[in-house]
PDB file of all heavy atoms in Angstrom:
ATOM      1  N   LEU A   1     140.395 117.433 129.360  1.00  0.00           N
ATOM      2  CA  LEU A   1     139.501 118.300 130.135  1.00  0.00           C
ATOM      3  C   LEU A   1     139.199 119.519 129.289  1.00  0.00           C
ATOM      4  O   LEU A   1     140.088 120.321 128.977  1.00  0.00           O
ATOM      5  CB  LEU A   1     140.163 118.705 131.456  1.00  0.00           C
ATOM      6  CG  LEU A   1     139.373 119.667 132.345  1.00  0.00           C
ATOM      7  CD1 LEU A   1     137.997 119.094 132.694  1.00  0.00           C
ATOM      8  CD2 LEU A   1     140.147 119.971 133.625  1.00  0.00           C
ATOM      9  N   LEU A   2     137.939 119.654 128.891  1.00  0.00           N
ATOM     10  CA  LEU A   2     137.527 120.740 128.015  1.00  0.00           C
ATOM     11  C   LEU A   2     136.789 121.807 128.804  1.00  0.00           C
ATOM     12  O   LEU A   2     136.156 121.528 129.811  1.00  0.00           O
ATOM     13  CB  LEU A   2     136.620 120.199 126.901  1.00  0.00           C
ATOM     14  CG  LEU A   2     137.137 118.994 126.121  1.00  0.00           C
ATOM     15  CD1 LEU A   2     136.195 118.661 124.973  1.00  0.00           C
ATOM     16  CD2 LEU A   2     138.547 119.219 125.618  1.00  0.00           C
ATOM     17  N   GLY A   3     136.875 123.028 128.307  1.00  0.00           N
ATOM     18  CA  GLY A   3     136.157 124.134 128.936  1.00  0.00           C
ATOM     19  C   GLY A   3     137.028 125.025 129.795  1.00  0.00           C
ATOM     20  O   GLY A   3     136.516 125.934 130.453  1.00  0.00           O
ATOM     21  N   CYS A   4     138.335 124.797 129.826  1.00  0.00           N
ATOM     22  CA  CYS A   4     139.249 125.619 130.632  1.00  0.00           C
ATOM     23  C   CYS A   4     139.800 126.759 129.781  1.00  0.00           C
ATOM     24  O   CYS A   4     140.529 126.521 128.814  1.00  0.00           O
ATOM     25  CB  CYS A   4     140.405 124.790 131.175  1.00  0.00           C
ATOM     26  SG  CYS A   4     139.932 123.604 132.433  1.00  0.00           S
ATOM     27  N   ALA A   5     139.462 127.977 130.136  1.00  0.00           N
ATOM     28  CA  ALA A   5     140.012 129.126 129.434  1.00  0.00           C
ATOM     29  C   ALA A   5     141.423 129.444 129.906  1.00  0.00           C
ATOM     30  O   ALA A   5     142.192 130.107 129.214  1.00  0.00           O
ATOM     31  CB  ALA A   5     139.109 130.341 129.633  1.00  0.00           C
ATOM     32  N   HIS A   6     141.758 128.952 131.103  1.00  0.00           N
ATOM     33  CA  HIS A   6     143.070 129.236 131.694  1.00  0.00           C
ATOM     34  C   HIS A   6     143.492 128.017 132.515  1.00  0.00           C
ATOM     35  O   HIS A   6     142.638 127.352 133.119  1.00  0.00           O
ATOM     36  CB  HIS A   6     142.975 130.484 132.587  1.00  0.00           C
ATOM     37  CG  HIS A   6     144.304 130.981 133.060  1.00  0.00           C
ATOM     38  ND1 HIS A   6     144.942 130.445 134.174  1.00  0.00           N
ATOM     39  CD2 HIS A   6     145.140 131.935 132.566  1.00  0.00           C
ATOM     40  CE1 HIS A   6     146.096 131.069 134.340  1.00  0.00           C
ATOM     41  NE2 HIS A   6     146.233 131.984 133.379  1.00  0.00           N
ATOM     42  N   PRO A   7     144.794 127.695 132.562  1.00  0.00           N
ATOM     43  CA  PRO A   7     145.237 126.533 133.346  1.00  0.00           C
ATOM     44  C   PRO A   7     144.807 126.567 134.807  1.00  0.00           C
ATOM     45  O   PRO A   7     144.649 125.517 135.435  1.00  0.00           O
ATOM     46  CB  PRO A   7     146.764 126.596 133.219  1.00  0.00           C
ATOM     47  CG  PRO A   7     147.015 127.309 131.934  1.00  0.00           C
ATOM     48  CD  PRO A   7     145.910 128.307 131.805  1.00  0.00           C
ATOM     49  N   ALA A   8     144.577 127.779 135.345  1.00  0.00           N
ATOM     50  CA  ALA A   8     144.163 127.880 136.745  1.00  0.00           C
ATOM     51  C   ALA A   8     142.780 127.290 136.973  1.00  0.00           C
ATOM     52  O   ALA A   8     142.398 127.012 138.116  1.00  0.00           O
ATOM     53  CB  ALA A   8     144.183 129.337 137.201  1.00  0.00           C
ATOM     54  N   GLN A   9     142.014 127.052 135.913  1.00  0.00           N
ATOM     55  CA  GLN A   9     140.686 126.475 136.052  1.00  0.00           C
ATOM     56  C   GLN A   9     140.716 124.952 136.209  1.00  0.00           C
ATOM     57  O   GLN A   9     139.685 124.350 136.528  1.00  0.00           O
ATOM     58  CB  GLN A   9     139.818 126.844 134.844  1.00  0.00           C
ATOM     59  CG  GLN A   9     139.403 128.301 134.794  1.00  0.00           C
ATOM     60  CD  GLN A   9     138.508 128.562 133.605  1.00  0.00           C
ATOM     61  OE1 GLN A   9     138.965 128.785 132.486  1.00  0.00           O
ATOM     62  NE2 GLN A   9     137.207 128.528 133.843  1.00  0.00           N
ATOM     63  N   VAL A  10     141.845 124.332 135.967  1.00  0.00           N
ATOM     64  CA  VAL A  10     141.937 122.878 136.140  1.00  0.00           C
ATOM     65  C   VAL A  10     141.762 122.559 137.617  1.00  0.00           C
ATOM     66  O   VAL A  10     142.472 123.117 138.468  1.00  0.00           O
ATOM     67  CB  VAL A  10     143.298 122.350 135.640  1.00  0.00           C
ATOM     68  CG1 VAL A  10     143.415 120.845 135.900  1.00  0.00           C
ATOM     69  CG2 VAL A  10     143.474 122.653 134.161  1.00  0.00           C
ATOM     70  N   PRO A  11     140.816 121.690 137.982  1.00  0.00           N
ATOM     71  CA  PRO A  11     140.631 121.350 139.401  1.00  0.00           C
ATOM     72  C   PRO A  11     141.931 120.858 140.017  1.00  0.00           C
ATOM     73  O   PRO A  11     142.730 120.170 139.366  1.00  0.00           O
ATOM     74  CB  PRO A  11     139.575 120.233 139.357  1.00  0.00           C
ATOM     75  CG  PRO A  11     138.823 120.477 138.085  1.00  0.00           C
ATOM     76  CD  PRO A  11     139.842 120.998 137.113  1.00  0.00           C
ATOM     77  N   VAL A  12     142.145 121.205 141.278  1.00  0.00           N
ATOM     78  CA  VAL A  12     143.420 120.915 141.916  1.00  0.00           C
ATOM     79  C   VAL A  12     143.736 119.423 141.903  1.00  0.00           C
ATOM     80  O   VAL A  12     144.891 119.022 141.742  1.00  0.00           O
ATOM     81  CB  VAL A  12     143.435 121.482 143.355  1.00  0.00           C
ATOM     82  CG1 VAL A  12     142.377 120.793 144.227  1.00  0.00           C
ATOM     83  CG2 VAL A  12     144.828 121.336 143.978  1.00  0.00           C
ATOM     84  N   PHE A  13     142.720 118.562 142.052  1.00  0.00           N
ATOM     85  CA  PHE A  13     142.958 117.125 142.078  1.00  0.00           C
ATOM     86  C   PHE A  13     143.169 116.542 140.682  1.00  0.00           C
ATOM     87  O   PHE A  13     143.480 115.366 140.550  1.00  0.00           O
ATOM     88  CB  PHE A  13     141.807 116.402 142.783  1.00  0.00           C
ATOM     89  CG  PHE A  13     141.708 116.723 144.244  1.00  0.00           C
ATOM     90  CD1 PHE A  13     140.632 117.429 144.737  1.00  0.00           C
ATOM     91  CD2 PHE A  13     142.709 116.328 145.125  1.00  0.00           C
ATOM     92  CE1 PHE A  13     140.542 117.742 146.091  1.00  0.00           C
ATOM     93  CE2 PHE A  13     142.628 116.639 146.472  1.00  0.00           C
ATOM     94  CZ  PHE A  13     141.547 117.342 146.966  1.00  0.00           C
ATOM     95  N   GLU A  14     142.995 117.367 139.655  1.00  0.00           N
ATOM     96  CA  GLU A  14     143.189 116.897 138.283  1.00  0.00           C
ATOM     97  C   GLU A  14     144.523 117.359 137.697  1.00  0.00           C
ATOM     98  O   GLU A  14     144.872 116.952 136.587  1.00  0.00           O
ATOM     99  CB  GLU A  14     142.053 117.401 137.388  1.00  0.00           C
ATOM    100  CG  GLU A  14     140.694 116.845 137.726  1.00  0.00           C
ATOM    101  CD  GLU A  14     140.518 115.402 137.260  1.00  0.00           C
ATOM    102  OE1 GLU A  14     141.410 114.883 136.580  1.00  0.00           O
ATOM    103  OE2 GLU A  14     139.485 114.799 137.591  1.00  0.00           O
ATOM    104  N   ARG A  15     145.250 118.185 138.401  1.00  0.00           N
ATOM    105  CA  ARG A  15     146.506 118.703 137.865  1.00  0.00           C
ATOM    106  C   ARG A  15     147.508 117.569 137.651  1.00  0.00           C
ATOM    107  O   ARG A  15     147.651 116.693 138.485  1.00  0.00           O
ATOM    108  CB  ARG A  15     147.087 119.759 138.804  1.00  0.00           C
ATOM    109  CG  ARG A  15     146.227 121.028 138.832  1.00  0.00           C
ATOM    110  CD  ARG A  15     146.722 122.035 139.848  1.00  0.00           C
ATOM    111  NE  ARG A  15     145.792 123.159 139.965  1.00  0.00           N
ATOM    112  CZ  ARG A  15     145.872 124.114 140.872  1.00  0.00           C
ATOM    113  NH1 ARG A  15     146.853 124.087 141.765  1.00  0.00           N
ATOM    114  NH2 ARG A  15     144.987 125.089 140.906  1.00  0.00           N
ATOM    115  N   ASP A  16     148.152 117.603 136.502  1.00  0.00           N
ATOM    116  CA  ASP A  16     149.115 116.573 136.085  1.00  0.00           C
ATOM    117  C   ASP A  16     148.447 115.228 135.827  1.00  0.00           C
ATOM    118  O   ASP A  16     149.138 114.205 135.739  1.00  0.00           O
ATOM    119  CB  ASP A  16     150.232 116.403 137.123  1.00  0.00           C
ATOM    120  CG  ASP A  16     151.038 117.673 137.315  1.00  0.00           C
ATOM    121  OD1 ASP A  16     151.276 118.373 136.311  1.00  0.00           O
ATOM    122  OD2 ASP A  16     151.428 117.968 138.456  1.00  0.00           O
ATOM    123  N   LEU A  17     147.107 115.197 135.707  1.00  0.00           N
ATOM    124  CA  LEU A  17     146.396 113.944 135.442  1.00  0.00           C
ATOM    125  C   LEU A  17     145.484 114.066 134.219  1.00  0.00           C
ATOM    126  O   LEU A  17     144.680 113.174 133.962  1.00  0.00           O
ATOM    127  CB  LEU A  17     145.576 113.527 136.667  1.00  0.00           C
ATOM    128  CG  LEU A  17     146.377 113.194 137.923  1.00  0.00           C
ATOM    129  CD1 LEU A  17     145.445 112.979 139.103  1.00  0.00           C
ATOM    130  CD2 LEU A  17     147.248 111.951 137.701  1.00  0.00           C
ATOM    131  N   CYS A  18     145.599 115.164 133.479  1.00  0.00           N
ATOM    132  CA  CYS A  18     144.789 115.347 132.284  1.00  0.00           C
ATOM    133  C   CYS A  18     145.427 116.456 131.455  1.00  0.00           C
ATOM    134  O   CYS A  18     146.362 117.124 131.897  1.00  0.00           O
ATOM    135  CB  CYS A  18     143.338 115.712 132.635  1.00  0.00           C
ATOM    136  SG  CYS A  18     143.179 117.274 133.538  1.00  0.00           S
ATOM    137  N   TRP A  19     144.906 116.634 130.245  1.00  0.00           N
ATOM    138  CA  TRP A  19     145.338 117.732 129.382  1.00  0.00           C
ATOM    139  C   TRP A  19     144.137 118.618 129.127  1.00  0.00           C
ATOM    140  O   TRP A  19     143.072 118.136 128.726  1.00  0.00           O
ATOM    141  CB  TRP A  19     145.900 117.197 128.072  1.00  0.00           C
ATOM    142  CG  TRP A  19     146.330 118.265 127.092  1.00  0.00           C
ATOM    143  CD1 TRP A  19     146.729 119.537 127.387  1.00  0.00           C
ATOM    144  CD2 TRP A  19     146.396 118.145 125.664  1.00  0.00           C
ATOM    145  NE1 TRP A  19     147.057 120.225 126.232  1.00  0.00           N
ATOM    146  CE2 TRP A  19     146.860 119.396 125.159  1.00  0.00           C
ATOM    147  CE3 TRP A  19     146.107 117.102 124.773  1.00  0.00           C
ATOM    148  CZ2 TRP A  19     147.046 119.611 123.799  1.00  0.00           C
ATOM    149  CZ3 TRP A  19     146.293 117.329 123.415  1.00  0.00           C
ATOM    150  CH2 TRP A  19     146.762 118.573 122.932  1.00  0.00           C
ATOM    151  N   ALA A  20     144.289 119.911 129.410  1.00  0.00           N
ATOM    152  CA  ALA A  20     143.232 120.885 129.160  1.00  0.00           C
ATOM    153  C   ALA A  20     143.657 121.756 127.974  1.00  0.00           C
ATOM    154  O   ALA A  20     144.263 122.810 128.154  1.00  0.00           O
ATOM    155  CB  ALA A  20     142.988 121.742 130.399  1.00  0.00           C
ATOM    156  N   PRO A  21     143.362 121.310 126.741  1.00  0.00           N
ATOM    157  CA  PRO A  21     143.797 122.086 125.572  1.00  0.00           C
ATOM    158  C   PRO A  21     143.103 123.443 125.541  1.00  0.00           C
ATOM    159  O   PRO A  21     141.884 123.516 125.710  1.00  0.00           O
ATOM    160  CB  PRO A  21     143.358 121.225 124.374  1.00  0.00           C
ATOM    161  CG  PRO A  21     142.938 119.908 124.925  1.00  0.00           C
ATOM    162  CD  PRO A  21     142.589 120.133 126.357  1.00  0.00           C
ATOM    163  N   PRO A  22     143.847 124.519 125.335  1.00  0.00           N
ATOM    164  CA  PRO A  22     143.218 125.842 125.249  1.00  0.00           C
ATOM    165  C   PRO A  22     142.533 126.020 123.898  1.00  0.00           C
ATOM    166  O   PRO A  22     142.728 125.235 122.969  1.00  0.00           O
ATOM    167  CB  PRO A  22     144.410 126.789 125.401  1.00  0.00           C
ATOM    168  CG  PRO A  22     145.567 126.011 124.838  1.00  0.00           C
ATOM    169  CD  PRO A  22     145.312 124.572 125.195  1.00  0.00           C
ATOM    170  N   GLY A  23     141.729 127.056 123.803  1.00  0.00           N
ATOM    171  CA  GLY A  23     141.166 127.395 122.507  1.00  0.00           C
ATOM    172  C   GLY A  23     139.703 127.090 122.326  1.00  0.00           C
ATOM    173  O   GLY A  23     139.219 127.030 121.199  1.00  0.00           O
ATOM    174  N   GLY A  24     138.980 126.867 123.402  1.00  0.00           N
ATOM    175  CA  GLY A  24     137.538 126.664 123.271  1.00  0.00           C
ATOM    176  C   GLY A  24     137.174 125.212 123.081  1.00  0.00           C
ATOM    177  O   GLY A  24     138.017 124.317 123.158  1.00  0.00           O
ATOM    178  N   PRO A  25     135.884 124.955 122.803  1.00  0.00           N
ATOM    179  CA  PRO A  25     135.399 123.574 122.674  1.00  0.00           C
ATOM    180  C   PRO A  25     136.013 122.873 121.465  1.00  0.00           C
ATOM    181  O   PRO A  25     136.468 123.508 120.509  1.00  0.00           O
ATOM    182  CB  PRO A  25     133.883 123.745 122.514  1.00  0.00           C
ATOM    183  CG  PRO A  25     133.712 125.129 121.986  1.00  0.00           C
ATOM    184  CD  PRO A  25     134.812 125.946 122.594  1.00  0.00           C
ATOM    185  N   LEU A  26     136.007 121.546 121.509  1.00  0.00           N
ATOM    186  CA  LEU A  26     136.525 120.743 120.407  1.00  0.00           C
ATOM    187  C   LEU A  26     135.369 120.143 119.610  1.00  0.00           C
ATOM    188  O   LEU A  26     134.295 119.871 120.152  1.00  0.00           O
ATOM    189  CB  LEU A  26     137.417 119.616 120.940  1.00  0.00           C
ATOM    190  CG  LEU A  26     138.662 120.027 121.724  1.00  0.00           C
ATOM    191  CD1 LEU A  26     139.439 118.783 122.165  1.00  0.00           C
ATOM    192  CD2 LEU A  26     139.557 120.941 120.892  1.00  0.00           C
ATOM    193  N   ASP A  27     135.607 119.935 118.334  1.00  0.00           N
ATOM    194  CA  ASP A  27     134.616 119.327 117.439  1.00  0.00           C
ATOM    195  C   ASP A  27     134.728 117.807 117.605  1.00  0.00           C
ATOM    196  O   ASP A  27     135.514 117.150 116.914  1.00  0.00           O
ATOM    197  CB  ASP A  27     134.901 119.750 116.003  1.00  0.00           C
ATOM    198  CG  ASP A  27     133.834 119.264 115.014  1.00  0.00           C
ATOM    199  OD1 ASP A  27     133.093 118.323 115.374  1.00  0.00           O
ATOM    200  OD2 ASP A  27     133.785 119.792 113.892  1.00  0.00           O
ATOM    201  N   ILE A  28     133.957 117.251 118.534  1.00  0.00           N
ATOM    202  CA  ILE A  28     134.036 115.823 118.838  1.00  0.00           C
ATOM    203  C   ILE A  28     133.652 114.954 117.634  1.00  0.00           C
ATOM    204  O   ILE A  28     134.330 113.965 117.341  1.00  0.00           O
ATOM    205  CB  ILE A  28     133.172 115.482 120.066  1.00  0.00           C
ATOM    206  CG1 ILE A  28     133.680 116.248 121.312  1.00  0.00           C
ATOM    207  CG2 ILE A  28     133.190 113.976 120.333  1.00  0.00           C
ATOM    208  CD1 ILE A  28     135.075 115.901 121.751  1.00  0.00           C
ATOM    209  N   PRO A  29     132.573 115.268 116.883  1.00  0.00           N
ATOM    210  CA  PRO A  29     132.249 114.445 115.713  1.00  0.00           C
ATOM    211  C   PRO A  29     133.394 114.377 114.698  1.00  0.00           C
ATOM    212  O   PRO A  29     133.659 113.311 114.130  1.00  0.00           O
ATOM    213  CB  PRO A  29     131.010 115.125 115.129  1.00  0.00           C
ATOM    214  CG  PRO A  29     130.357 115.776 116.316  1.00  0.00           C
ATOM    215  CD  PRO A  29     131.502 116.254 117.160  1.00  0.00           C
ATOM    216  N   ALA A  30     134.078 115.492 114.460  1.00  0.00           N
ATOM    217  CA  ALA A  30     135.200 115.482 113.521  1.00  0.00           C
ATOM    218  C   ALA A  30     136.344 114.627 114.063  1.00  0.00           C
ATOM    219  O   ALA A  30     136.999 113.899 113.308  1.00  0.00           O
ATOM    220  CB  ALA A  30     135.677 116.911 113.259  1.00  0.00           C
TER     221      ALA A  30
END
């Protein structure tokens, strides 16, 4: 789950069902 600046932004139904890596967007092509 991308786009979360803080763990509190993870939707409640997604908690413990995904990883929201901090640090901004990821370079998908790389």
